Amino acid sequence: MSKILEKSLKDARKEDNLTMGAKQVLISVKNSKLIILSQSIKKEMFEKIEFDAKKEKIPLVNFQGTSVALGRLCGLQFRISTISFTSIDDASIKSILKDTEVEKKND
C-alpha cells in the first residue's frame, strides 16, 4: 500500500481529521474529502457508501487489504472497514488516487 496513504492516515489521526467505521462514515459522507474502503466491508454497506459518495462527488479508494490491515495502517490494534478523511489537501488526494490506480494495474 502506498506510503502517501499511510502517512496521510497517521497525520489525519493525530489531527483528528478521520471518521472511522462504516456506519459513522455513511452518516458523515457530506463532510468527507476522501473515503477508504477495505475488502472486508459488507456488500450492502459498500453500495450505500458508494452511492452517497458518487452523489456528493467524493473520491473512493478500494483498499487492497482487509479491515485488520487497514486498522494496522492507521496504527490501531483493531479492525477498521471504512475510513473517511474530513480534512486532507487536494495534492494528497490526487497522489493517493494515482497510487491506488497503479496498484490495481500491477495486480
C-alpha atoms as a PDB file:
ATOM      1  CA  MET A   1       0.000   0.000   0.000  1.00  0.00           C
ATOM      2  CA  SER A   2       1.183   3.493  -0.755  1.00  0.00           C
ATOM      3  CA  LYS A   3       3.388   5.380   1.671  1.00  0.00           C
ATOM      4  CA  ILE A   4       1.409   8.563   0.983  1.00  0.00           C
ATOM      5  CA  LEU A   5      -1.787   6.865   2.198  1.00  0.00           C
ATOM      6  CA  GLU A   6      -0.067   5.561   5.313  1.00  0.00           C
ATOM      7  CA  LYS A   7       1.418   8.987   6.108  1.00  0.00           C
ATOM      8  CA  SER A   8      -1.888  10.751   5.398  1.00  0.00           C
ATOM      9  CA  LEU A   9      -3.774   8.342   7.669  1.00  0.00           C
ATOM     10  CA  LYS A  10      -1.330   8.793  10.547  1.00  0.00           C
ATOM     11  CA  ASP A  11      -1.283  12.587  10.169  1.00  0.00           C
ATOM     12  CA  ALA A  12      -5.079  12.796   9.955  1.00  0.00           C
ATOM     13  CA  ARG A  13      -5.420  10.567  13.019  1.00  0.00           C
ATOM     14  CA  LYS A  14      -3.104  12.819  15.032  1.00  0.00           C
ATOM     15  CA  GLU A  15      -5.109  15.877  13.974  1.00  0.00           C
ATOM     16  CA  ASP A  16      -8.457  14.103  14.483  1.00  0.00           C
ATOM     17  CA  ASN A  17      -9.419  14.521  10.806  1.00  0.00           C
ATOM     18  CA  LEU A  18     -10.702  10.954  10.316  1.00  0.00           C
ATOM     19  CA  THR A  19     -14.073   9.297  10.650  1.00  0.00           C
ATOM     20  CA  MET A  20     -13.762   5.554  11.246  1.00  0.00           C
ATOM     21  CA  GLY A  21     -16.293   2.771  10.778  1.00  0.00           C
ATOM     22  CA  ALA A  22     -18.833   2.147   8.033  1.00  0.00           C
ATOM     23  CA  LYS A  23     -21.858   3.497   9.928  1.00  0.00           C
ATOM     24  CA  GLN A  24     -20.087   6.664  11.019  1.00  0.00           C
ATOM     25  CA  VAL A  25     -18.707   7.259   7.523  1.00  0.00           C
ATOM     26  CA  LEU A  26     -22.154   6.752   5.991  1.00  0.00           C
ATOM     27  CA  ILE A  27     -23.602   9.349   8.381  1.00  0.00           C
ATOM     28  CA  SER A  28     -20.848  11.864   7.621  1.00  0.00           C
ATOM     29  CA  VAL A  29     -20.357  11.379   3.858  1.00  0.00           C
ATOM     30  CA  LYS A  30     -21.122  15.064   3.170  1.00  0.00           C
ATOM     31  CA  ASN A  31     -18.204  16.107   5.426  1.00  0.00           C
ATOM     32  CA  SER A  32     -15.762  13.733   3.733  1.00  0.00           C
ATOM     33  CA  LYS A  33     -12.973  14.614   1.324  1.00  0.00           C
ATOM     34  CA  LEU A  34     -11.840  11.027   0.596  1.00  0.00           C
ATOM     35  CA  ILE A  35     -13.215   7.617   1.612  1.00  0.00           C
ATOM     36  CA  ILE A  36     -11.147   4.441   2.022  1.00  0.00           C
ATOM     37  CA  LEU A  37     -12.993   1.093   1.915  1.00  0.00           C
ATOM     38  CA  SER A  38     -11.368  -2.206   2.930  1.00  0.00           C
ATOM     39  CA  GLN A  39     -12.153  -5.504   1.254  1.00  0.00           C
ATOM     40  CA  SER A  40     -13.896  -6.634   4.457  1.00  0.00           C
ATOM     41  CA  ILE A  41     -16.810  -4.200   4.214  1.00  0.00           C
ATOM     42  CA  LYS A  42     -20.230  -5.775   3.773  1.00  0.00           C
ATOM     43  CA  LYS A  43     -21.595  -5.519   0.244  1.00  0.00           C
ATOM     44  CA  GLU A  44     -24.775  -3.620   1.179  1.00  0.00           C
ATOM     45  CA  MET A  45     -22.836  -1.070   3.240  1.00  0.00           C
ATOM     46  CA  PHE A  46     -20.304  -0.703   0.414  1.00  0.00           C
ATOM     47  CA  GLU A  47     -23.130   0.020  -2.039  1.00  0.00           C
ATOM     48  CA  LYS A  48     -24.729   2.622   0.253  1.00  0.00           C
ATOM     49  CA  ILE A  49     -21.454   4.444   0.824  1.00  0.00           C
ATOM     50  CA  GLU A  50     -20.539   4.236  -2.861  1.00  0.00           C
ATOM     51  CA  PHE A  51     -23.935   5.663  -3.893  1.00  0.00           C
ATOM     52  CA  ASP A  52     -23.734   8.565  -1.421  1.00  0.00           C
ATOM     53  CA  ALA A  53     -20.096   9.286  -2.302  1.00  0.00           C
ATOM     54  CA  LYS A  54     -20.865   9.448  -6.027  1.00  0.00           C
ATOM     55  CA  LYS A  55     -23.813  11.733  -5.340  1.00  0.00           C
ATOM     56  CA  GLU A  56     -21.549  14.070  -3.342  1.00  0.00           C
ATOM     57  CA  LYS A  57     -18.627  13.641  -5.805  1.00  0.00           C
ATOM     58  CA  ILE A  58     -16.293  12.262  -3.136  1.00  0.00           C
ATOM     59  CA  PRO A  59     -13.459  10.013  -4.338  1.00  0.00           C
ATOM     60  CA  LEU A  60     -13.422   6.393  -3.129  1.00  0.00           C
ATOM     61  CA  VAL A  61     -10.387   4.181  -2.690  1.00  0.00           C
ATOM     62  CA  ASN A  62     -10.802   0.411  -2.535  1.00  0.00           C
ATOM     63  CA  PHE A  63      -8.037  -0.557  -0.120  1.00  0.00           C
ATOM     64  CA  GLN A  64      -6.433  -3.794  -1.306  1.00  0.00           C
ATOM     65  CA  GLY A  65      -6.437  -5.357   2.139  1.00  0.00           C
ATOM     66  CA  THR A  66      -8.653  -6.454   4.999  1.00  0.00           C
ATOM     67  CA  SER A  67     -10.076  -4.359   7.804  1.00  0.00           C
ATOM     68  CA  VAL A  68      -7.282  -5.714  10.032  1.00  0.00           C
ATOM     69  CA  ALA A  69      -4.651  -4.392   7.594  1.00  0.00           C
ATOM     70  CA  LEU A  70      -6.402  -1.017   7.362  1.00  0.00           C
ATOM     71  CA  GLY A  71      -6.502  -0.754  11.153  1.00  0.00           C
ATOM     72  CA  ARG A  72      -2.790  -1.558  11.360  1.00  0.00           C
ATOM     73  CA  LEU A  73      -2.033   1.007   8.672  1.00  0.00           C
ATOM     74  CA  CYS A  74      -3.603   3.609  10.979  1.00  0.00           C
ATOM     75  CA  GLY A  75      -1.520   2.331  13.882  1.00  0.00           C
ATOM     76  CA  LEU A  76      -4.526   0.837  15.661  1.00  0.00           C
ATOM     77  CA  GLN A  77      -4.998  -2.562  17.297  1.00  0.00           C
ATOM     78  CA  PHE A  78      -8.482  -3.164  15.901  1.00  0.00           C
ATOM     79  CA  ARG A  79     -10.255  -3.635  12.577  1.00  0.00           C
ATOM     80  CA  ILE A  80     -11.499  -0.721  10.527  1.00  0.00           C
ATOM     81  CA  SER A  81     -13.642  -1.448   7.487  1.00  0.00           C
ATOM     82  CA  THR A  82     -14.018   2.160   6.331  1.00  0.00           C
ATOM     83  CA  ILE A  83     -12.300   5.479   6.909  1.00  0.00           C
ATOM     84  CA  SER A  84     -13.089   8.943   5.641  1.00  0.00           C
ATOM     85  CA  PHE A  85     -10.834  11.958   5.727  1.00  0.00           C
ATOM     86  CA  THR A  86     -12.662  15.062   6.931  1.00  0.00           C
ATOM     87  CA  SER A  87      -9.663  17.206   6.041  1.00  0.00           C
ATOM     88  CA  ILE A  88      -6.926  16.420   3.521  1.00  0.00           C
ATOM     89  CA  ASP A  89      -5.256  18.549   0.865  1.00  0.00           C
ATOM     90  CA  ASP A  90      -6.034  18.026  -2.820  1.00  0.00           C
ATOM     91  CA  ALA A  91      -2.443  17.089  -3.665  1.00  0.00           C
ATOM     92  CA  SER A  92      -2.556  14.190  -1.190  1.00  0.00           C
ATOM     93  CA  ILE A  93      -5.901  13.018  -2.574  1.00  0.00           C
ATOM     94  CA  LYS A  94      -4.507  13.017  -6.116  1.00  0.00           C
ATOM     95  CA  SER A  95      -1.366  11.145  -5.017  1.00  0.00           C
ATOM     96  CA  ILE A  96      -3.376   8.503  -3.150  1.00  0.00           C
ATOM     97  CA  LEU A  97      -5.756   8.008  -6.084  1.00  0.00           C
ATOM     98  CA  LYS A  98      -2.820   7.774  -8.510  1.00  0.00           C
ATOM     99  CA  ASP A  99      -1.005   5.233  -6.294  1.00  0.00           C
ATOM    100  CA  THR A 100      -4.086   3.038  -5.936  1.00  0.00           C
ATOM    101  CA  GLU A 101      -4.632   3.052  -9.714  1.00  0.00           C
ATOM    102  CA  VAL A 102      -1.022   1.919 -10.231  1.00  0.00           C
ATOM    103  CA  GLU A 103      -1.504  -0.869  -7.639  1.00  0.00           C
ATOM    104  CA  LYS A 104      -4.657  -2.115  -9.391  1.00  0.00           C
ATOM    105  CA  LYS A 105      -2.799  -2.322 -12.703  1.00  0.00           C
ATOM    106  CA  ASN A 106       0.063  -4.260 -11.084  1.00  0.00           C
ATOM    107  CA  ASP A 107      -2.262  -6.891  -9.527  1.00  0.00           C
END
